[in-house]
Amino acid sequence: MEKRNCKLAAVVASTLALSGGLSNAEERPTFTVVLHVTDFADVDDGDFGRARTEAQRIFDDAAIRLVFVDIANGPRARACEGLNLFVSFLSPYLIQQRTRQGMGKSVLGSASPSTGHAFIYSERVRDLALRRRIDKGVLLGRVIAHELGHLLMGGHDHSRTGLMTVGMETDPSGLQALFSSREARALRARLESTRMSPQERSECGTASVARDR
């Protein structure tokens, strides 16, 4: 994991004004989600970089900043910056184990809102990207964003259109790979409810992780 420390600790904070989130006329409050990443799949560095950029593009539209941190740095690394969630890229072996336990063979990822943990089935994402002629890194970023959507909206059901559809990978151009306005509001409401007070932020360094109230 040491070789990935610099990459996973990088912050992507661009701001794109796209149709799914806030309009230019609205104030854009910025919330932060800290993603503690574990890579059991040895994802290609280039694919991971494009995945990170694509996930941030999607969350930029909802005025949410993502911070990617290597879990090897410990659960307290950058924990005070925002709501803490966990992302694991699963190895082929771990994916096989889940398949034997009944997971559908077309599933690209899953989320556990109760633990704040998203699981990405990297090998499946890669294989589907090749079949659909979609950039592997871009599709990986959309899967990450999709599962984070489930985490932040508490197991939110799939939508009929947009990023939260079951078949999001059928939109190669990414024109619909965004949260709907309603979903973007729900994401910000969740983050507003977990925002630390100034006192809590000043005391955060003594806690194991930023609290998720």
N, C-alpha and C. Protein backbone atom coordinates (compact mmCIF):
# COMPACT_ATOMS: atom_id res chain seq x y z
N MET A 1 0.81 -1.22 0.00
CA MET A 1 0.00 0.00 0.00
C MET A 1 0.85 1.27 0.00
N GLU A 2 2.14 1.21 0.39
CA GLU A 2 2.93 2.42 0.52
C GLU A 2 3.03 3.18 -0.79
N LYS A 3 3.10 2.46 -1.90
CA LYS A 3 3.26 3.14 -3.19
C LYS A 3 2.04 3.97 -3.55
N ARG A 4 0.91 3.72 -2.87
CA ARG A 4 -0.32 4.41 -3.22
C ARG A 4 -0.60 5.58 -2.29
N ASN A 5 0.24 5.79 -1.26
CA ASN A 5 -0.06 6.81 -0.26
C ASN A 5 -0.23 8.18 -0.87
N CYS A 6 0.71 8.58 -1.75
CA CYS A 6 0.63 9.91 -2.33
C CYS A 6 -0.61 10.06 -3.20
N LYS A 7 -0.93 9.00 -3.94
CA LYS A 7 -2.07 9.07 -4.84
C LYS A 7 -3.39 9.15 -4.09
N LEU A 8 -3.56 8.28 -3.08
CA LEU A 8 -4.83 8.22 -2.38
C LEU A 8 -5.03 9.40 -1.46
N ALA A 9 -3.95 10.08 -1.08
CA ALA A 9 -4.08 11.23 -0.19
C ALA A 9 -4.38 12.52 -0.95
N ALA A 10 -4.35 12.45 -2.28
CA ALA A 10 -4.58 13.66 -3.08
C ALA A 10 -6.00 14.14 -2.95
N VAL A 11 -6.21 15.45 -3.03
CA VAL A 11 -7.54 16.05 -2.94
C VAL A 11 -7.94 16.57 -4.31
N VAL A 12 -9.14 16.20 -4.74
CA VAL A 12 -9.66 16.72 -5.99
C VAL A 12 -10.75 17.71 -5.63
N ALA A 13 -10.56 19.02 -5.91
CA ALA A 13 -11.50 20.03 -5.44
C ALA A 13 -11.91 20.99 -6.54
N SER A 14 -12.03 20.54 -7.78
CA SER A 14 -12.51 21.41 -8.86
C SER A 14 -13.98 21.70 -8.67
N THR A 15 -14.48 22.79 -9.26
CA THR A 15 -15.88 23.16 -9.13
C THR A 15 -16.49 23.34 -10.51
N LEU A 16 -17.37 22.41 -10.88
CA LEU A 16 -18.04 22.46 -12.17
C LEU A 16 -19.51 22.75 -11.93
N ALA A 17 -20.08 23.69 -12.66
CA ALA A 17 -21.50 24.02 -12.51
C ALA A 17 -22.27 23.28 -13.58
N LEU A 18 -22.79 22.08 -13.23
CA LEU A 18 -23.55 21.26 -14.16
C LEU A 18 -25.01 21.22 -13.75
N SER A 19 -25.86 20.60 -14.56
CA SER A 19 -27.31 20.76 -14.42
C SER A 19 -27.92 20.07 -13.22
N GLY A 20 -27.32 19.04 -12.65
CA GLY A 20 -28.00 18.26 -11.63
C GLY A 20 -27.99 18.87 -10.25
N GLY A 21 -27.15 19.84 -9.95
CA GLY A 21 -27.03 20.34 -8.59
C GLY A 21 -27.55 21.74 -8.44
N LEU A 22 -26.71 22.67 -7.95
CA LEU A 22 -27.14 24.03 -7.68
C LEU A 22 -26.97 24.89 -8.92
N SER A 23 -27.86 25.85 -9.08
CA SER A 23 -27.74 26.78 -10.21
C SER A 23 -26.69 27.83 -9.89
N ASN A 24 -26.23 28.56 -10.92
CA ASN A 24 -25.21 29.59 -10.71
C ASN A 24 -25.71 30.68 -9.79
N ALA A 25 -27.04 30.87 -9.76
CA ALA A 25 -27.62 31.96 -8.97
C ALA A 25 -27.65 31.61 -7.48
N GLU A 26 -27.51 30.33 -7.15
CA GLU A 26 -27.59 29.92 -5.76
C GLU A 26 -26.21 29.94 -5.11
N GLU A 27 -26.23 30.18 -3.80
CA GLU A 27 -24.99 30.06 -3.04
C GLU A 27 -24.57 28.60 -3.04
N ARG A 28 -23.27 28.31 -3.16
CA ARG A 28 -22.79 26.94 -3.21
C ARG A 28 -22.03 26.59 -1.92
N PRO A 29 -22.75 26.17 -0.88
CA PRO A 29 -22.04 25.73 0.31
C PRO A 29 -21.22 24.50 -0.04
N THR A 30 -20.07 24.34 0.55
CA THR A 30 -19.21 23.21 0.24
C THR A 30 -19.11 22.30 1.45
N PHE A 31 -19.48 21.05 1.24
CA PHE A 31 -19.35 20.03 2.27
C PHE A 31 -18.21 19.11 1.86
N THR A 32 -17.64 18.41 2.83
CA THR A 32 -16.51 17.53 2.56
C THR A 32 -16.80 16.12 3.04
N VAL A 33 -16.46 15.15 2.21
CA VAL A 33 -16.53 13.74 2.59
C VAL A 33 -15.11 13.18 2.48
N VAL A 34 -14.63 12.59 3.57
CA VAL A 34 -13.30 11.97 3.60
C VAL A 34 -13.47 10.48 3.32
N LEU A 35 -12.83 10.00 2.27
CA LEU A 35 -12.94 8.60 1.87
C LEU A 35 -11.66 7.87 2.22
N HIS A 36 -11.75 6.94 3.14
CA HIS A 36 -10.61 6.12 3.55
C HIS A 36 -10.60 4.89 2.64
N VAL A 37 -9.60 4.80 1.78
CA VAL A 37 -9.58 3.82 0.69
C VAL A 37 -8.65 2.66 0.99
N THR A 38 -9.18 1.44 0.79
CA THR A 38 -8.37 0.22 0.86
C THR A 38 -8.42 -0.45 -0.50
N ASP A 39 -7.27 -0.74 -1.07
CA ASP A 39 -7.19 -1.34 -2.40
C ASP A 39 -6.68 -2.77 -2.32
N PHE A 40 -7.63 -3.72 -2.30
CA PHE A 40 -7.27 -5.13 -2.33
C PHE A 40 -7.09 -5.63 -3.76
N ALA A 41 -7.43 -4.79 -4.75
CA ALA A 41 -7.45 -5.22 -6.15
C ALA A 41 -6.26 -4.72 -6.94
N ASP A 42 -5.40 -3.92 -6.33
CA ASP A 42 -4.25 -3.35 -7.02
C ASP A 42 -4.69 -2.63 -8.30
N VAL A 43 -5.61 -1.71 -8.13
CA VAL A 43 -6.14 -0.96 -9.26
C VAL A 43 -5.04 -0.16 -9.93
N ASP A 44 -5.04 -0.15 -11.25
CA ASP A 44 -4.04 0.61 -12.01
C ASP A 44 -4.06 2.08 -11.61
N ASP A 45 -2.87 2.67 -11.47
CA ASP A 45 -2.77 4.06 -11.02
C ASP A 45 -3.52 5.02 -11.94
N GLY A 46 -3.39 4.81 -13.25
CA GLY A 46 -4.08 5.69 -14.19
C GLY A 46 -5.58 5.55 -14.09
N ASP A 47 -6.07 4.31 -13.96
CA ASP A 47 -7.51 4.09 -13.81
C ASP A 47 -8.02 4.75 -12.53
N PHE A 48 -7.22 4.62 -11.45
CA PHE A 48 -7.66 5.23 -10.19
C PHE A 48 -7.70 6.75 -10.30
N GLY A 49 -6.72 7.32 -10.97
CA GLY A 49 -6.72 8.77 -11.13
C GLY A 49 -7.94 9.27 -11.88
N ARG A 50 -8.31 8.58 -12.97
CA ARG A 50 -9.49 8.97 -13.73
C ARG A 50 -10.77 8.71 -12.93
N ALA A 51 -10.77 7.64 -12.14
CA ALA A 51 -11.93 7.35 -11.29
C ALA A 51 -12.15 8.45 -10.26
N ARG A 52 -11.07 8.89 -9.65
CA ARG A 52 -11.14 9.95 -8.65
C ARG A 52 -11.67 11.24 -9.28
N THR A 53 -11.17 11.56 -10.48
CA THR A 53 -11.61 12.77 -11.17
C THR A 53 -13.08 12.69 -11.53
N GLU A 54 -13.53 11.52 -12.01
CA GLU A 54 -14.93 11.36 -12.40
C GLU A 54 -15.85 11.43 -11.18
N ALA A 55 -15.46 10.78 -10.09
CA ALA A 55 -16.28 10.83 -8.88
C ALA A 55 -16.40 12.27 -8.37
N GLN A 56 -15.29 13.01 -8.42
CA GLN A 56 -15.35 14.40 -7.96
C GLN A 56 -16.19 15.25 -8.89
N ARG A 57 -16.11 14.99 -10.21
CA ARG A 57 -16.96 15.73 -11.16
C ARG A 57 -18.43 15.59 -10.77
N ILE A 58 -18.82 14.39 -10.43
CA ILE A 58 -20.22 14.12 -10.07
C ILE A 58 -20.59 14.82 -8.77
N PHE A 59 -19.71 14.76 -7.78
CA PHE A 59 -20.02 15.38 -6.49
C PHE A 59 -19.85 16.90 -6.53
N ASP A 60 -19.01 17.42 -7.41
CA ASP A 60 -18.91 18.87 -7.58
C ASP A 60 -20.28 19.45 -7.90
N ASP A 61 -21.05 18.74 -8.69
CA ASP A 61 -22.35 19.22 -9.11
C ASP A 61 -23.30 19.40 -7.93
N ALA A 62 -23.04 18.67 -6.85
CA ALA A 62 -23.84 18.81 -5.63
C ALA A 62 -23.12 19.64 -4.57
N ALA A 63 -22.04 20.33 -4.96
CA ALA A 63 -21.25 21.17 -4.06
C ALA A 63 -20.68 20.37 -2.90
N ILE A 64 -20.16 19.19 -3.22
CA ILE A 64 -19.54 18.32 -2.22
C ILE A 64 -18.12 17.98 -2.67
N ARG A 65 -17.18 18.14 -1.75
CA ARG A 65 -15.76 17.87 -2.00
C ARG A 65 -15.40 16.50 -1.47
N LEU A 66 -14.66 15.73 -2.26
CA LEU A 66 -14.19 14.42 -1.83
C LEU A 66 -12.70 14.48 -1.52
N VAL A 67 -12.31 13.87 -0.42
CA VAL A 67 -10.91 13.75 -0.05
C VAL A 67 -10.59 12.26 0.03
N PHE A 68 -9.66 11.79 -0.81
CA PHE A 68 -9.27 10.38 -0.83
C PHE A 68 -8.03 10.19 0.03
N VAL A 69 -8.10 9.25 0.97
CA VAL A 69 -6.99 9.00 1.89
C VAL A 69 -6.72 7.50 1.95
N ASP A 70 -5.47 7.13 1.86
CA ASP A 70 -5.07 5.72 1.99
C ASP A 70 -5.34 5.26 3.42
N ILE A 71 -6.07 4.16 3.57
CA ILE A 71 -6.38 3.66 4.91
C ILE A 71 -5.12 3.30 5.67
N ALA A 72 -4.01 3.06 4.95
CA ALA A 72 -2.75 2.74 5.61
C ALA A 72 -2.26 3.89 6.48
N ASN A 73 -2.75 5.09 6.21
CA ASN A 73 -2.38 6.25 7.02
C ASN A 73 -3.11 6.27 8.36
N GLY A 74 -4.07 5.35 8.54
CA GLY A 74 -4.80 5.26 9.80
C GLY A 74 -6.15 5.94 9.75
N PRO A 75 -7.10 5.52 10.58
CA PRO A 75 -8.46 6.07 10.56
C PRO A 75 -8.54 7.52 10.99
N ARG A 76 -7.47 8.04 11.61
CA ARG A 76 -7.51 9.44 12.06
C ARG A 76 -6.96 10.40 11.02
N ALA A 77 -6.40 9.87 9.93
CA ALA A 77 -5.82 10.73 8.91
C ALA A 77 -6.89 11.59 8.25
N ARG A 78 -6.78 12.88 8.41
CA ARG A 78 -7.68 13.89 7.83
C ARG A 78 -9.13 13.71 8.28
N ALA A 79 -9.34 13.00 9.38
CA ALA A 79 -10.70 12.70 9.82
C ALA A 79 -11.49 13.93 10.20
N CYS A 80 -10.81 15.00 10.59
CA CYS A 80 -11.52 16.19 11.06
C CYS A 80 -12.04 17.06 9.92
N GLU A 81 -11.75 16.70 8.68
CA GLU A 81 -12.13 17.56 7.56
C GLU A 81 -13.58 17.40 7.14
N GLY A 82 -14.23 16.30 7.51
CA GLY A 82 -15.61 16.11 7.08
C GLY A 82 -16.14 14.77 7.52
N LEU A 83 -17.24 14.36 6.91
CA LEU A 83 -17.84 13.07 7.22
C LEU A 83 -16.94 11.95 6.70
N ASN A 84 -16.69 10.96 7.54
CA ASN A 84 -15.76 9.88 7.19
C ASN A 84 -16.51 8.65 6.67
N LEU A 85 -16.14 8.20 5.47
CA LEU A 85 -16.68 6.98 4.88
C LEU A 85 -15.52 6.11 4.41
N PHE A 86 -15.82 4.87 4.07
CA PHE A 86 -14.79 3.91 3.71
C PHE A 86 -15.12 3.27 2.37
N VAL A 87 -14.08 3.13 1.53
CA VAL A 87 -14.23 2.53 0.21
C VAL A 87 -13.19 1.43 0.08
N SER A 88 -13.64 0.22 -0.31
CA SER A 88 -12.71 -0.89 -0.53
C SER A 88 -12.87 -1.41 -1.95
N PHE A 89 -11.74 -1.50 -2.67
CA PHE A 89 -11.71 -2.16 -3.97
C PHE A 89 -11.41 -3.63 -3.70
N LEU A 90 -12.36 -4.51 -4.02
CA LEU A 90 -12.21 -5.91 -3.68
C LEU A 90 -11.43 -6.69 -4.73
N SER A 91 -10.65 -7.64 -4.26
CA SER A 91 -9.87 -8.50 -5.14
C SER A 91 -10.78 -9.53 -5.80
N PRO A 92 -10.31 -10.17 -6.89
CA PRO A 92 -11.12 -11.23 -7.51
C PRO A 92 -11.53 -12.31 -6.52
N TYR A 93 -10.63 -12.67 -5.61
CA TYR A 93 -10.95 -13.71 -4.62
C TYR A 93 -12.12 -13.26 -3.73
N LEU A 94 -12.07 -12.04 -3.25
CA LEU A 94 -13.14 -11.55 -2.38
C LEU A 94 -14.46 -11.44 -3.14
N ILE A 95 -14.39 -11.09 -4.42
CA ILE A 95 -15.60 -11.03 -5.24
C ILE A 95 -16.19 -12.42 -5.40
N GLN A 96 -15.33 -13.42 -5.62
CA GLN A 96 -15.80 -14.80 -5.74
C GLN A 96 -16.48 -15.26 -4.46
N GLN A 97 -15.91 -14.88 -3.33
CA GLN A 97 -16.50 -15.26 -2.05
C GLN A 97 -17.91 -14.69 -1.92
N ARG A 98 -18.09 -13.44 -2.31
CA ARG A 98 -19.41 -12.81 -2.22
C ARG A 98 -20.38 -13.43 -3.21
N THR A 99 -19.87 -13.81 -4.38
CA THR A 99 -20.73 -14.45 -5.37
C THR A 99 -21.24 -15.78 -4.84
N ARG A 100 -20.38 -16.54 -4.20
CA ARG A 100 -20.80 -17.82 -3.60
C ARG A 100 -21.84 -17.61 -2.52
N GLN A 101 -21.81 -16.45 -1.89
CA GLN A 101 -22.78 -16.14 -0.84
C GLN A 101 -24.09 -15.61 -1.39
N GLY A 102 -24.20 -15.54 -2.72
CA GLY A 102 -25.47 -15.16 -3.33
C GLY A 102 -25.51 -13.82 -4.01
N MET A 103 -24.39 -13.11 -4.10
CA MET A 103 -24.39 -11.81 -4.77
C MET A 103 -24.55 -12.01 -6.27
N GLY A 104 -25.40 -11.18 -6.90
CA GLY A 104 -25.64 -11.28 -8.33
C GLY A 104 -24.38 -11.07 -9.14
N LYS A 105 -24.28 -11.78 -10.27
CA LYS A 105 -23.06 -11.73 -11.07
C LYS A 105 -22.90 -10.44 -11.85
N SER A 106 -23.94 -9.63 -11.94
CA SER A 106 -23.82 -8.36 -12.67
C SER A 106 -23.61 -7.16 -11.74
N VAL A 107 -23.57 -7.41 -10.43
CA VAL A 107 -23.42 -6.33 -9.46
C VAL A 107 -22.00 -5.76 -9.53
N LEU A 108 -21.89 -4.44 -9.60
CA LEU A 108 -20.59 -3.77 -9.70
C LEU A 108 -20.08 -3.23 -8.37
N GLY A 109 -20.98 -3.08 -7.41
CA GLY A 109 -20.59 -2.55 -6.11
C GLY A 109 -21.73 -2.70 -5.13
N SER A 110 -21.45 -2.46 -3.87
CA SER A 110 -22.48 -2.53 -2.83
C SER A 110 -22.13 -1.53 -1.74
N ALA A 111 -23.13 -1.25 -0.91
CA ALA A 111 -22.93 -0.26 0.15
C ALA A 111 -23.58 -0.73 1.44
N SER A 112 -22.94 -0.41 2.54
CA SER A 112 -23.46 -0.72 3.86
C SER A 112 -23.63 0.58 4.64
N PRO A 113 -24.83 1.22 4.53
CA PRO A 113 -25.03 2.51 5.21
C PRO A 113 -24.80 2.44 6.72
N SER A 114 -25.08 1.29 7.34
CA SER A 114 -24.93 1.18 8.79
C SER A 114 -23.47 1.28 9.23
N THR A 115 -22.55 0.90 8.33
CA THR A 115 -21.12 0.96 8.67
C THR A 115 -20.38 2.04 7.88
N GLY A 116 -21.07 2.69 6.93
CA GLY A 116 -20.42 3.72 6.13
C GLY A 116 -19.36 3.17 5.20
N HIS A 117 -19.60 1.96 4.66
CA HIS A 117 -18.58 1.28 3.87
C HIS A 117 -19.12 0.94 2.49
N ALA A 118 -18.40 1.34 1.44
CA ALA A 118 -18.73 0.99 0.06
C ALA A 118 -17.73 -0.02 -0.45
N PHE A 119 -18.23 -1.03 -1.18
CA PHE A 119 -17.38 -2.08 -1.73
C PHE A 119 -17.48 -2.04 -3.25
N ILE A 120 -16.33 -1.94 -3.91
CA ILE A 120 -16.28 -1.81 -5.36
C ILE A 120 -15.69 -3.08 -5.94
N TYR A 121 -16.40 -3.69 -6.89
CA TYR A 121 -15.96 -4.95 -7.49
C TYR A 121 -15.18 -4.62 -8.77
N SER A 122 -13.92 -4.29 -8.55
CA SER A 122 -13.08 -3.68 -9.59
C SER A 122 -12.94 -4.55 -10.83
N GLU A 123 -12.77 -5.85 -10.65
CA GLU A 123 -12.61 -6.74 -11.80
C GLU A 123 -13.86 -6.72 -12.69
N ARG A 124 -15.03 -6.69 -12.08
CA ARG A 124 -16.27 -6.64 -12.85
C ARG A 124 -16.41 -5.30 -13.58
N VAL A 125 -16.03 -4.24 -12.92
CA VAL A 125 -16.09 -2.92 -13.54
C VAL A 125 -15.18 -2.90 -14.76
N ARG A 126 -13.97 -3.43 -14.63
CA ARG A 126 -13.03 -3.48 -15.74
C ARG A 126 -13.59 -4.29 -16.90
N ASP A 127 -14.13 -5.47 -16.60
CA ASP A 127 -14.65 -6.34 -17.66
C ASP A 127 -15.83 -5.69 -18.38
N LEU A 128 -16.72 -5.05 -17.63
CA LEU A 128 -17.88 -4.40 -18.24
C LEU A 128 -17.44 -3.22 -19.10
N ALA A 129 -16.46 -2.47 -18.61
CA ALA A 129 -15.96 -1.33 -19.38
C ALA A 129 -15.40 -1.78 -20.72
N LEU A 130 -14.71 -2.89 -20.72
CA LEU A 130 -14.16 -3.42 -21.97
C LEU A 130 -15.27 -3.85 -22.92
N ARG A 131 -16.30 -4.50 -22.39
CA ARG A 131 -17.41 -4.95 -23.24
C ARG A 131 -18.19 -3.78 -23.81
N ARG A 132 -18.38 -2.74 -22.99
CA ARG A 132 -19.18 -1.58 -23.41
C ARG A 132 -18.34 -0.49 -24.07
N ARG A 133 -17.02 -0.70 -24.13
CA ARG A 133 -16.10 0.29 -24.70
C ARG A 133 -16.20 1.63 -23.97
N ILE A 134 -16.22 1.55 -22.65
CA ILE A 134 -16.23 2.71 -21.77
C ILE A 134 -14.86 2.77 -21.09
N ASP A 135 -14.36 3.96 -20.85
CA ASP A 135 -13.10 4.10 -20.14
C ASP A 135 -13.21 3.44 -18.76
N LYS A 136 -12.26 2.56 -18.45
CA LYS A 136 -12.33 1.81 -17.19
C LYS A 136 -12.32 2.73 -15.97
N GLY A 137 -11.44 3.72 -16.00
CA GLY A 137 -11.35 4.62 -14.86
C GLY A 137 -12.60 5.44 -14.67
N VAL A 138 -13.18 5.91 -15.77
CA VAL A 138 -14.40 6.72 -15.69
C VAL A 138 -15.54 5.88 -15.11
N LEU A 139 -15.71 4.65 -15.61
CA LEU A 139 -16.77 3.80 -15.09
C LEU A 139 -16.53 3.49 -13.61
N LEU A 140 -15.28 3.27 -13.24
CA LEU A 140 -14.97 3.02 -11.84
C LEU A 140 -15.38 4.20 -10.98
N GLY A 141 -15.12 5.42 -11.46
CA GLY A 141 -15.52 6.62 -10.71
C GLY A 141 -17.02 6.73 -10.55
N ARG A 142 -17.77 6.34 -11.58
CA ARG A 142 -19.22 6.39 -11.49
C ARG A 142 -19.76 5.36 -10.50
N VAL A 143 -19.14 4.19 -10.49
CA VAL A 143 -19.55 3.17 -9.52
C VAL A 143 -19.27 3.66 -8.10
N ILE A 144 -18.11 4.26 -7.88
CA ILE A 144 -17.79 4.80 -6.56
C ILE A 144 -18.85 5.84 -6.16
N ALA A 145 -19.13 6.78 -7.06
CA ALA A 145 -20.11 7.83 -6.75
C ALA A 145 -21.49 7.24 -6.49
N HIS A 146 -21.87 6.24 -7.26
CA HIS A 146 -23.17 5.59 -7.08
C HIS A 146 -23.27 4.97 -5.68
N GLU A 147 -22.25 4.24 -5.27
CA GLU A 147 -22.29 3.59 -3.96
C GLU A 147 -22.21 4.62 -2.83
N LEU A 148 -21.46 5.69 -3.03
CA LEU A 148 -21.45 6.76 -2.02
C LEU A 148 -22.83 7.39 -1.90
N GLY A 149 -23.53 7.49 -3.02
CA GLY A 149 -24.90 7.99 -2.98
C GLY A 149 -25.77 7.15 -2.07
N HIS A 150 -25.63 5.82 -2.16
CA HIS A 150 -26.39 4.94 -1.28
C HIS A 150 -26.00 5.16 0.18
N LEU A 151 -24.70 5.33 0.44
CA LEU A 151 -24.26 5.54 1.82
C LEU A 151 -24.83 6.83 2.39
N LEU A 152 -24.74 7.90 1.63
CA LEU A 152 -25.14 9.21 2.14
C LEU A 152 -26.65 9.38 2.22
N MET A 153 -27.37 8.62 1.39
CA MET A 153 -28.83 8.72 1.43
C MET A 153 -29.46 7.53 2.14
N GLY A 154 -28.66 6.81 2.90
CA GLY A 154 -29.20 5.75 3.75
C GLY A 154 -29.84 4.60 3.01
N GLY A 155 -29.18 4.09 1.97
CA GLY A 155 -29.74 2.97 1.24
C GLY A 155 -30.79 3.38 0.23
N HIS A 156 -30.73 4.62 -0.22
CA HIS A 156 -31.65 5.19 -1.22
C HIS A 156 -31.92 4.21 -2.36
N ASP A 157 -33.20 4.05 -2.71
CA ASP A 157 -33.56 3.15 -3.81
C ASP A 157 -33.01 3.68 -5.13
N HIS A 158 -32.91 2.79 -6.10
CA HIS A 158 -32.45 3.21 -7.41
C HIS A 158 -33.47 4.12 -8.09
N SER A 159 -32.96 5.04 -8.90
CA SER A 159 -33.81 5.99 -9.62
C SER A 159 -34.08 5.49 -11.03
N ARG A 160 -35.00 6.16 -11.71
CA ARG A 160 -35.33 5.78 -13.09
C ARG A 160 -34.32 6.35 -14.08
N THR A 161 -33.70 7.47 -13.73
CA THR A 161 -32.72 8.10 -14.62
C THR A 161 -31.53 8.58 -13.79
N GLY A 162 -30.45 8.90 -14.48
CA GLY A 162 -29.30 9.49 -13.82
C GLY A 162 -28.36 8.48 -13.19
N LEU A 163 -27.47 8.99 -12.36
CA LEU A 163 -26.42 8.19 -11.76
C LEU A 163 -26.95 7.04 -10.92
N MET A 164 -28.07 7.24 -10.25
CA MET A 164 -28.57 6.24 -9.31
C MET A 164 -29.45 5.18 -9.96
N THR A 165 -29.43 5.07 -11.29
CA THR A 165 -30.12 3.97 -11.96
C THR A 165 -29.30 2.70 -11.82
N VAL A 166 -29.96 1.57 -11.98
CA VAL A 166 -29.25 0.29 -11.94
C VAL A 166 -28.30 0.19 -13.12
N GLY A 167 -28.73 0.69 -14.30
CA GLY A 167 -27.93 0.56 -15.51
C GLY A 167 -27.17 1.82 -15.88
N MET A 168 -26.51 2.43 -14.91
CA MET A 168 -25.81 3.70 -15.17
C MET A 168 -24.71 3.55 -16.21
N GLU A 169 -24.18 2.33 -16.36
CA GLU A 169 -23.06 2.14 -17.29
C GLU A 169 -23.50 2.20 -18.74
N THR A 170 -24.81 2.29 -18.99
CA THR A 170 -25.30 2.36 -20.37
C THR A 170 -25.24 3.78 -20.92
N ASP A 171 -24.67 4.72 -20.18
CA ASP A 171 -24.57 6.11 -20.62
C ASP A 171 -23.10 6.47 -20.82
N PRO A 172 -22.49 5.99 -21.92
CA PRO A 172 -21.05 6.19 -22.12
C PRO A 172 -20.61 7.65 -22.09
N SER A 173 -21.47 8.56 -22.57
CA SER A 173 -21.08 9.97 -22.63
C SER A 173 -21.11 10.65 -21.28
N GLY A 174 -21.80 10.05 -20.32
CA GLY A 174 -21.87 10.63 -18.98
C GLY A 174 -22.86 11.78 -18.85
N LEU A 175 -23.72 11.97 -19.88
CA LEU A 175 -24.65 13.10 -19.83
C LEU A 175 -25.64 12.96 -18.67
N GLN A 176 -25.95 11.73 -18.28
CA GLN A 176 -26.87 11.51 -17.18
C GLN A 176 -26.17 11.03 -15.91
N ALA A 177 -24.85 10.99 -15.93
CA ALA A 177 -24.10 10.48 -14.78
C ALA A 177 -23.95 11.55 -13.71
N LEU A 178 -25.09 12.01 -13.21
CA LEU A 178 -25.14 13.02 -12.16
C LEU A 178 -26.28 12.67 -11.21
N PHE A 179 -26.24 13.22 -10.01
CA PHE A 179 -27.36 13.10 -9.10
C PHE A 179 -28.48 14.03 -9.56
N SER A 180 -29.72 13.63 -9.33
CA SER A 180 -30.83 14.52 -9.62
C SER A 180 -30.82 15.67 -8.61
N SER A 181 -31.58 16.71 -8.90
CA SER A 181 -31.64 17.85 -7.97
C SER A 181 -32.14 17.41 -6.60
N ARG A 182 -33.13 16.52 -6.58
CA ARG A 182 -33.66 16.02 -5.30
C ARG A 182 -32.59 15.24 -4.55
N GLU A 183 -31.86 14.40 -5.27
CA GLU A 183 -30.81 13.62 -4.63
C GLU A 183 -29.69 14.51 -4.11
N ALA A 184 -29.31 15.54 -4.90
CA ALA A 184 -28.26 16.46 -4.46
C ALA A 184 -28.67 17.18 -3.18
N ARG A 185 -29.94 17.57 -3.09
CA ARG A 185 -30.42 18.21 -1.85
C ARG A 185 -30.35 17.24 -0.67
N ALA A 186 -30.71 15.98 -0.93
CA ALA A 186 -30.67 14.98 0.14
C ALA A 186 -29.23 14.74 0.62
N LEU A 187 -28.29 14.73 -0.31
CA LEU A 187 -26.88 14.56 0.06
C LEU A 187 -26.41 15.70 0.96
N ARG A 188 -26.74 16.94 0.55
CA ARG A 188 -26.30 18.10 1.34
C ARG A 188 -27.00 18.14 2.70
N ALA A 189 -28.26 17.73 2.74
CA ALA A 189 -28.98 17.70 4.01
C ALA A 189 -28.34 16.72 4.97
N ARG A 190 -27.93 15.58 4.45
CA ARG A 190 -27.25 14.59 5.30
C ARG A 190 -25.95 15.16 5.85
N LEU A 191 -25.18 15.80 4.99
CA LEU A 191 -23.90 16.34 5.42
C LEU A 191 -24.07 17.52 6.37
N GLU A 192 -25.12 18.30 6.16
CA GLU A 192 -25.41 19.40 7.09
C GLU A 192 -25.73 18.85 8.47
N SER A 193 -26.44 17.73 8.52
CA SER A 193 -26.82 17.15 9.80
C SER A 193 -25.64 16.55 10.56
N THR A 194 -24.55 16.28 9.84
CA THR A 194 -23.37 15.69 10.49
C THR A 194 -22.23 16.70 10.64
N ARG A 195 -22.47 17.95 10.23
CA ARG A 195 -21.39 18.95 10.31
C ARG A 195 -21.02 19.22 11.77
N MET A 196 -19.73 19.28 12.03
CA MET A 196 -19.27 19.53 13.38
C MET A 196 -19.37 21.01 13.73
N SER A 197 -19.65 21.28 14.99
CA SER A 197 -19.63 22.65 15.48
C SER A 197 -18.18 23.11 15.59
N PRO A 198 -17.94 24.42 15.70
CA PRO A 198 -16.55 24.90 15.87
C PRO A 198 -15.84 24.24 17.04
N GLN A 199 -16.56 24.02 18.16
CA GLN A 199 -15.93 23.39 19.31
C GLN A 199 -15.57 21.94 19.01
N GLU A 200 -16.49 21.23 18.36
CA GLU A 200 -16.21 19.84 18.01
C GLU A 200 -15.03 19.74 17.05
N ARG A 201 -14.95 20.69 16.13
CA ARG A 201 -13.84 20.66 15.18
C ARG A 201 -12.51 20.88 15.90
N SER A 202 -12.50 21.80 16.87
CA SER A 202 -11.26 22.08 17.59
C SER A 202 -10.84 20.90 18.45
N GLU A 203 -11.82 20.07 18.86
CA GLU A 203 -11.52 18.91 19.70
C GLU A 203 -11.34 17.64 18.89
N CYS A 204 -11.55 17.73 17.59
CA CYS A 204 -11.57 16.53 16.76
C CYS A 204 -10.26 15.76 16.76
N GLY A 205 -9.16 16.46 16.87
CA GLY A 205 -7.87 15.80 16.82
C GLY A 205 -7.66 14.78 17.91
N THR A 206 -8.45 14.85 18.98
CA THR A 206 -8.31 13.89 20.07
C THR A 206 -9.23 12.71 19.90
N ALA A 207 -10.11 12.74 18.87
CA ALA A 207 -11.06 11.65 18.64
C ALA A 207 -10.50 10.71 17.58
N SER A 208 -11.01 9.49 17.55
CA SER A 208 -10.52 8.50 16.57
C SER A 208 -10.97 8.85 15.18
N VAL A 209 -12.21 9.31 15.01
CA VAL A 209 -12.73 9.75 13.72
C VAL A 209 -13.72 10.86 13.96
N ALA A 210 -13.98 11.67 12.92
CA ALA A 210 -15.01 12.69 13.03
C ALA A 210 -16.34 12.01 13.23
N ARG A 211 -17.16 12.54 14.09
CA ARG A 211 -18.39 11.88 14.45
C ARG A 211 -19.44 11.93 13.34
N ASP A 212 -20.16 10.87 13.23
CA ASP A 212 -21.30 10.81 12.32
C ASP A 212 -22.53 10.71 13.22
N ARG A 213 -23.15 11.86 13.50
CA ARG A 213 -24.26 11.88 14.45
C ARG A 213 -25.54 11.38 13.82
